[in-house]
Amino acid sequence: MQLTPTSRIYVAGHRGLVGSAVVRALQQRGHSGLLVRTHAELDLTNQAEVRRFFASERPEAVIMAAARVGGIHANNTRPAMFIRDNLLIQDNVIDAAYASGVGKFVFLGSSCIYPKLSPQPIKEEYLLTGPLEPTNEWYAIAKIAGVKMCQAYRREYGFNAISLMPTNLYGPGDNFDLKNSHVLPALIRRFHEAKVRGDDSVTVWGTGTPRREFLHVDDLADAVVYLLQNYDDERIVNIGWGQDVTIRELAEIVMSAIGYSGGLTFDTTKPNGTPRKLLDVSRLSGLGWQPRISLRDGIERTYAWFKEHSADARL
């Protein structure tokens, strides 16, 4: 889809980590026709509200970055909320977008949709080939349903929807809450506070051996805008860096970036989650896109943002 500077593009979830990065990327490219709504202005779980919004605003393109998200603790303790809210949000927005004549729809999923024990690196074709990771299956099932809904609307109605599966993301605007955040922002906050207090050591959940891939959210946003204009197929596309690190290595990078000189211990009574989750990004590379922000550089940028926004960050 070819966009103009005045194209009406609705970014759902514009205040979140991903949505805010997408808005930044579009604005940097001169797009002035962006449509955004806060939760107070538009409740995406309310079908009637969503239909009225699409009928009145008539966006030309939609980037679906709205979702109920959280880490292992949040998924384990609020499974009903995670599956219910995400299914409602996706169903309402996809259907209303199709009904109102949206020209291009970008659905953002998650790498957690893949089986827990997928061969590594994970190819897009591994979807639905094995059991999910139990600690986040509620969110994963909802996201799989969103992918299939986009594919179904494309097949039956010719709806121009694509589905992109990002790896673990981080960056400015992340959730730094220690109970409900993902591992990288939680580590940034823990090591920062330990440094401020002068703690002797910091304890990290699990054994430190699981391997994870991380992508700066500004790289993701760049990929989203690129594929919005250059990709049109029902096959899902992984978005990642193509490299991973152990949780121990990640913690050591964060320690170094923050300048924390204390010790590092691991609580082996806590869950590890999936042993390894590295995406195969050959399809994305074949489409002509590559990430640019290294993990060390990205963590340093994120920590700088965290310090500058500690009063208004999600803590």
Protein backbone atom coordinates (compact mmCIF):
# COMPACT_ATOMS: atom_id res chain seq x y z
CA MET A 1 0.00 0.00 0.00
CA GLN A 2 1.35 3.41 -0.94
CA LEU A 3 0.73 5.98 1.75
CA THR A 4 0.71 9.75 1.39
CA PRO A 5 1.62 12.23 4.14
CA THR A 6 -2.10 12.85 4.73
CA SER A 7 -3.26 9.20 4.66
CA ARG A 8 -5.59 8.46 7.57
CA ILE A 9 -3.75 5.82 9.61
CA TYR A 10 -5.28 4.54 12.84
CA VAL A 11 -2.70 3.34 15.36
CA ALA A 12 -4.56 1.29 17.97
CA GLY A 13 -2.77 1.29 21.31
CA HIS A 14 -0.75 4.45 20.61
CA ARG A 15 0.22 4.93 24.26
CA GLY A 16 1.84 1.51 24.65
CA LEU A 17 5.41 0.49 24.01
CA VAL A 18 4.77 -0.59 20.40
CA GLY A 19 2.06 1.88 19.47
CA SER A 20 4.02 4.92 20.64
CA ALA A 21 7.04 3.75 18.65
CA VAL A 22 4.89 3.30 15.53
CA VAL A 23 3.51 6.82 15.96
CA ARG A 24 7.06 8.17 16.27
CA ALA A 25 8.14 6.32 13.13
CA LEU A 26 5.20 7.60 11.09
CA GLN A 27 5.60 11.18 12.31
CA GLN A 28 9.33 11.09 11.49
CA ARG A 29 8.32 10.18 7.93
CA GLY A 30 6.02 13.19 7.69
CA HIS A 31 2.63 11.53 8.22
CA SER A 32 0.13 14.05 9.55
CA GLY A 33 -3.12 12.07 9.20
CA LEU A 34 -2.68 9.83 12.22
CA LEU A 35 -5.76 8.75 14.17
CA VAL A 36 -5.32 7.88 17.85
CA ARG A 37 -7.69 7.36 20.76
CA THR A 38 -7.06 6.77 24.45
CA HIS A 39 -8.87 3.96 26.28
CA ALA A 40 -11.11 6.59 27.88
CA GLU A 41 -12.04 7.89 24.42
CA LEU A 42 -12.52 4.48 22.80
CA ASP A 43 -12.91 1.16 24.64
CA LEU A 44 -11.77 -1.44 22.12
CA THR A 45 -13.53 -4.22 24.06
CA ASN A 46 -16.84 -2.46 23.32
CA GLN A 47 -18.09 -3.55 19.88
CA ALA A 48 -20.58 -0.70 19.46
CA GLU A 49 -17.98 1.96 20.27
CA VAL A 50 -15.47 0.47 17.85
CA ARG A 51 -18.00 0.26 15.03
CA ARG A 52 -19.02 3.89 15.54
CA PHE A 53 -15.40 5.01 15.48
CA PHE A 54 -14.61 3.23 12.20
CA ALA A 55 -17.86 4.34 10.57
CA SER A 56 -17.18 7.99 11.39
CA GLU A 57 -13.39 8.23 10.94
CA ARG A 58 -12.91 5.87 7.95
CA PRO A 59 -9.18 5.17 8.33
CA GLU A 60 -7.33 4.03 5.21
CA ALA A 61 -4.90 1.86 7.15
CA VAL A 62 -4.82 0.34 10.63
CA ILE A 63 -1.83 -0.75 12.73
CA MET A 64 -3.12 -3.00 15.49
CA ALA A 65 -0.78 -2.46 18.45
CA ALA A 66 -3.45 -2.56 21.14
CA ALA A 67 -3.41 -5.58 23.47
CA ARG A 68 -3.55 -6.65 27.07
CA VAL A 69 0.08 -7.56 27.79
CA GLY A 70 2.26 -8.65 30.71
CA GLY A 71 4.96 -11.03 31.89
CA ILE A 72 4.87 -14.50 33.45
CA HIS A 73 3.36 -13.36 36.75
CA ALA A 74 0.58 -11.38 35.10
CA ASN A 75 -0.32 -14.21 32.72
CA ASN A 76 -0.35 -16.78 35.53
CA THR A 77 -2.54 -14.76 37.87
CA ARG A 78 -5.01 -13.18 35.39
CA PRO A 79 -5.61 -15.81 32.67
CA ALA A 80 -9.29 -14.96 32.13
CA MET A 81 -8.54 -11.27 31.67
CA PHE A 82 -5.76 -11.96 29.17
CA ILE A 83 -7.75 -14.24 26.90
CA ARG A 84 -11.04 -12.34 27.18
CA ASP A 85 -9.75 -8.81 26.61
CA ASN A 86 -7.44 -9.73 23.74
CA LEU A 87 -10.10 -11.75 21.92
CA LEU A 88 -12.61 -8.91 22.28
CA ILE A 89 -10.17 -6.22 21.14
CA GLN A 90 -9.04 -8.19 18.08
CA ASP A 91 -12.50 -9.29 17.00
CA ASN A 92 -13.95 -5.81 17.28
CA VAL A 93 -11.15 -3.98 15.48
CA ILE A 94 -10.58 -6.49 12.65
CA ASP A 95 -14.26 -6.81 11.85
CA ALA A 96 -14.95 -3.06 12.01
CA ALA A 97 -11.88 -2.33 9.87
CA TYR A 98 -13.09 -4.72 7.18
CA ALA A 99 -16.68 -3.43 7.33
CA SER A 100 -15.58 0.20 6.97
CA GLY A 101 -13.36 -0.47 3.94
CA VAL A 102 -9.87 -0.17 5.46
CA GLY A 103 -7.30 -0.61 2.68
CA LYS A 104 -4.50 -2.21 4.73
CA PHE A 105 -4.52 -3.82 8.17
CA VAL A 106 -1.40 -4.74 10.16
CA PHE A 107 -1.92 -7.20 13.01
CA LEU A 108 0.86 -7.44 15.57
CA GLY A 109 1.14 -10.76 17.35
CA SER A 110 3.91 -12.19 19.50
CA SER A 111 6.59 -14.85 19.32
CA CYS A 112 4.84 -16.62 22.22
CA ILE A 113 2.35 -18.02 19.69
CA TYR A 114 4.88 -20.69 18.76
CA PRO A 115 5.15 -24.08 20.53
CA LYS A 116 7.23 -24.15 23.72
CA LEU A 117 9.67 -26.69 22.32
CA SER A 118 9.88 -25.42 18.74
CA PRO A 119 13.05 -26.23 16.82
CA GLN A 120 15.40 -23.23 16.92
CA PRO A 121 15.44 -20.78 15.27
CA ILE A 122 11.65 -20.67 14.99
CA LYS A 123 10.25 -20.58 11.46
CA GLU A 124 6.79 -19.17 10.76
CA GLU A 125 5.68 -22.62 9.62
CA TYR A 126 6.05 -24.00 13.18
CA LEU A 127 2.82 -22.31 14.29
CA LEU A 128 0.34 -24.88 15.73
CA THR A 129 2.79 -27.78 15.58
CA GLY A 130 3.02 -28.40 19.34
CA PRO A 131 1.92 -27.37 22.87
CA LEU A 132 2.37 -23.77 24.00
CA GLU A 133 4.37 -22.50 26.98
CA PRO A 134 1.86 -22.94 29.87
CA THR A 135 2.78 -19.69 31.62
CA ASN A 136 1.45 -17.52 28.80
CA GLU A 137 -0.87 -19.77 26.82
CA TRP A 138 -3.92 -17.53 27.43
CA TYR A 139 -2.30 -14.59 25.69
CA ALA A 140 -0.79 -16.83 23.00
CA ILE A 141 -4.12 -18.45 22.14
CA ALA A 142 -5.74 -15.05 21.77
CA LYS A 143 -2.96 -13.89 19.45
CA ILE A 144 -3.19 -17.07 17.37
CA ALA A 145 -6.92 -16.40 17.00
CA GLY A 146 -6.08 -12.90 15.75
CA VAL A 147 -3.70 -14.27 13.12
CA LYS A 148 -6.29 -16.78 11.94
CA MET A 149 -9.00 -14.13 11.86
CA CYS A 150 -6.88 -11.95 9.60
CA GLN A 151 -6.16 -14.90 7.33
CA ALA A 152 -9.83 -15.90 7.26
CA TYR A 153 -10.98 -12.39 6.36
CA ARG A 154 -8.37 -12.26 3.60
CA ARG A 155 -9.48 -15.59 2.16
CA GLU A 156 -13.23 -15.05 2.39
CA TYR A 157 -13.54 -11.30 1.88
CA GLY A 158 -10.27 -10.27 0.23
CA PHE A 159 -9.41 -8.12 3.25
CA ASN A 160 -5.83 -6.84 2.93
CA ALA A 161 -4.55 -7.90 6.35
CA ILE A 162 -1.01 -8.95 7.24
CA SER A 163 0.25 -10.48 10.50
CA LEU A 164 3.65 -9.73 12.00
CA MET A 165 5.21 -11.64 14.91
CA PRO A 166 7.71 -9.57 16.92
CA THR A 167 10.26 -11.10 19.24
CA ASN A 168 10.77 -9.77 22.80
CA LEU A 169 10.66 -5.98 22.67
CA TYR A 170 12.03 -3.20 24.83
CA GLY A 171 12.62 0.53 24.69
CA PRO A 172 11.20 3.92 25.70
CA GLY A 173 7.67 3.70 27.08
CA ASP A 174 8.14 0.14 28.39
CA ASN A 175 6.42 -1.22 31.49
CA PHE A 176 8.88 -1.25 34.39
CA ASP A 177 6.51 -2.68 37.00
CA LEU A 178 8.38 -5.42 38.86
CA LYS A 179 5.40 -7.79 39.02
CA ASN A 180 3.83 -7.32 35.61
CA SER A 181 6.67 -6.34 33.28
CA HIS A 182 8.83 -8.43 30.98
CA VAL A 183 12.33 -9.49 31.91
CA LEU A 184 14.44 -6.72 30.38
CA PRO A 185 12.62 -3.66 31.80
CA ALA A 186 12.31 -5.44 35.14
CA LEU A 187 16.08 -5.97 35.17
CA ILE A 188 16.72 -2.33 34.32
CA ARG A 189 14.59 -1.17 37.23
CA ARG A 190 15.98 -3.74 39.68
CA PHE A 191 19.61 -2.91 38.95
CA HIS A 192 18.93 0.84 38.95
CA GLU A 193 17.23 0.71 42.34
CA ALA A 194 19.92 -1.59 43.72
CA LYS A 195 22.57 0.89 42.57
CA VAL A 196 20.70 3.81 44.18
CA ARG A 197 20.27 1.93 47.47
CA GLY A 198 23.76 0.48 47.44
CA ASP A 199 22.54 -3.13 47.62
CA ASP A 200 25.18 -5.86 47.74
CA SER A 201 23.41 -8.09 45.18
CA VAL A 202 20.37 -8.48 42.94
CA THR A 203 18.34 -11.69 42.61
CA VAL A 204 16.94 -12.69 39.21
CA TRP A 205 14.19 -15.25 38.64
CA GLY A 206 15.10 -18.70 37.29
CA THR A 207 18.43 -20.31 36.54
CA GLY A 208 19.74 -17.73 34.09
CA THR A 209 20.13 -20.36 31.36
CA PRO A 210 17.07 -19.70 29.13
CA ARG A 211 17.95 -17.87 25.93
CA ARG A 212 16.02 -14.86 24.67
CA GLU A 213 16.11 -12.58 21.64
CA PHE A 214 15.47 -8.86 22.05
CA LEU A 215 14.60 -6.15 19.54
CA HIS A 216 14.47 -2.43 20.23
CA VAL A 217 10.94 -1.15 19.69
CA ASP A 218 12.10 1.58 17.31
CA ASP A 219 13.50 -1.14 15.05
CA LEU A 220 10.16 -2.91 15.22
CA ALA A 221 8.31 0.27 14.30
CA ASP A 222 10.59 0.77 11.32
CA ALA A 223 9.84 -2.79 10.18
CA VAL A 224 6.08 -2.28 10.65
CA VAL A 225 6.02 0.84 8.48
CA TYR A 226 8.22 -0.87 5.89
CA LEU A 227 5.97 -3.94 5.67
CA LEU A 228 2.80 -1.83 5.71
CA GLN A 229 3.95 -0.48 2.37
CA ASN A 230 5.88 -3.45 0.96
CA TYR A 231 4.20 -6.71 2.03
CA ASP A 232 0.87 -8.21 1.02
CA ASP A 233 0.41 -11.91 1.85
CA GLU A 234 -1.46 -14.03 4.39
CA ARG A 235 1.74 -15.73 5.56
CA ILE A 236 2.94 -14.40 8.90
CA VAL A 237 6.32 -12.66 9.13
CA ASN A 238 8.69 -12.91 12.09
CA ILE A 239 10.32 -9.67 13.20
CA GLY A 240 13.47 -10.04 15.26
CA TRP A 241 17.20 -9.55 15.46
CA GLY A 242 18.16 -13.12 14.63
CA GLN A 243 20.50 -13.44 17.64
CA ASP A 244 19.86 -14.34 21.29
CA VAL A 245 21.53 -14.24 24.72
CA THR A 246 21.06 -16.12 27.99
CA ILE A 247 19.22 -14.38 30.81
CA ARG A 248 22.52 -14.36 32.71
CA GLU A 249 24.24 -12.61 29.80
CA LEU A 250 21.35 -10.17 29.55
CA ALA A 251 21.59 -9.37 33.27
CA GLU A 252 25.33 -8.78 32.94
CA ILE A 253 24.80 -6.38 30.01
CA VAL A 254 22.20 -4.47 32.04
CA MET A 255 24.51 -4.36 35.07
CA SER A 256 27.28 -2.93 32.93
CA ALA A 257 25.05 -0.37 31.18
CA ILE A 258 23.69 0.86 34.52
CA GLY A 259 27.04 0.79 36.28
CA TYR A 260 25.95 -1.53 39.09
CA SER A 261 28.94 -3.20 40.73
CA GLY A 262 27.19 -5.56 43.18
CA GLY A 263 26.62 -9.29 42.91
CA LEU A 264 24.19 -11.32 40.81
CA THR A 265 22.25 -14.35 42.12
CA PHE A 266 19.49 -16.53 40.67
CA ASP A 267 16.37 -17.82 42.41
CA THR A 268 16.07 -21.31 40.95
CA THR A 269 12.68 -21.86 42.63
CA LYS A 270 11.11 -19.41 40.16
CA PRO A 271 9.94 -20.49 36.67
CA ASN A 272 12.26 -20.19 33.69
CA GLY A 273 9.59 -20.05 31.01
CA THR A 274 10.43 -21.27 27.52
CA PRO A 275 14.00 -22.69 27.34
CA ARG A 276 14.83 -20.81 24.15
CA LYS A 277 12.96 -18.50 21.82
CA LEU A 278 14.89 -17.30 18.77
CA LEU A 279 13.03 -16.34 15.63
CA ASP A 280 14.08 -17.29 12.13
CA VAL A 281 14.03 -13.93 10.33
CA SER A 282 15.03 -15.14 6.86
CA ARG A 283 11.61 -14.24 5.41
CA LEU A 284 11.93 -10.70 6.75
CA SER A 285 15.49 -10.38 5.49
CA GLY A 286 14.34 -11.60 2.10
CA LEU A 287 11.84 -8.76 2.02
CA GLY A 288 14.70 -6.28 2.35
CA TRP A 289 14.63 -5.21 6.01
CA GLN A 290 17.35 -5.42 8.69
CA PRO A 291 17.49 -4.14 12.32
CA ARG A 292 20.00 -1.45 13.27
CA ILE A 293 20.02 -1.00 17.07
CA SER A 294 22.35 -3.38 18.94
CA LEU A 295 21.31 -4.83 22.30
CA ARG A 296 23.94 -2.93 24.28
CA ASP A 297 23.13 0.36 22.55
CA GLY A 298 19.40 -0.24 22.93
CA ILE A 299 19.68 -0.98 26.66
CA GLU A 300 21.76 2.17 27.20
CA ARG A 301 19.12 4.24 25.35
CA THR A 302 16.30 2.65 27.33
CA TYR A 303 18.05 3.24 30.65
CA ALA A 304 18.62 6.89 29.73
CA TRP A 305 14.90 7.22 28.95
CA PHE A 306 13.99 5.46 32.22
CA LYS A 307 16.06 7.91 34.27
CA GLU A 308 14.60 10.91 32.47
CA HIS A 309 11.00 9.68 32.84
CA SER A 310 11.09 7.97 36.24
CA ALA A 311 8.22 10.19 37.44
CA ASP A 312 5.85 9.23 34.62
CA ALA A 313 7.13 5.79 33.55
CA ARG A 314 4.98 2.71 34.17
CA LEU A 315 6.45 1.54 37.47
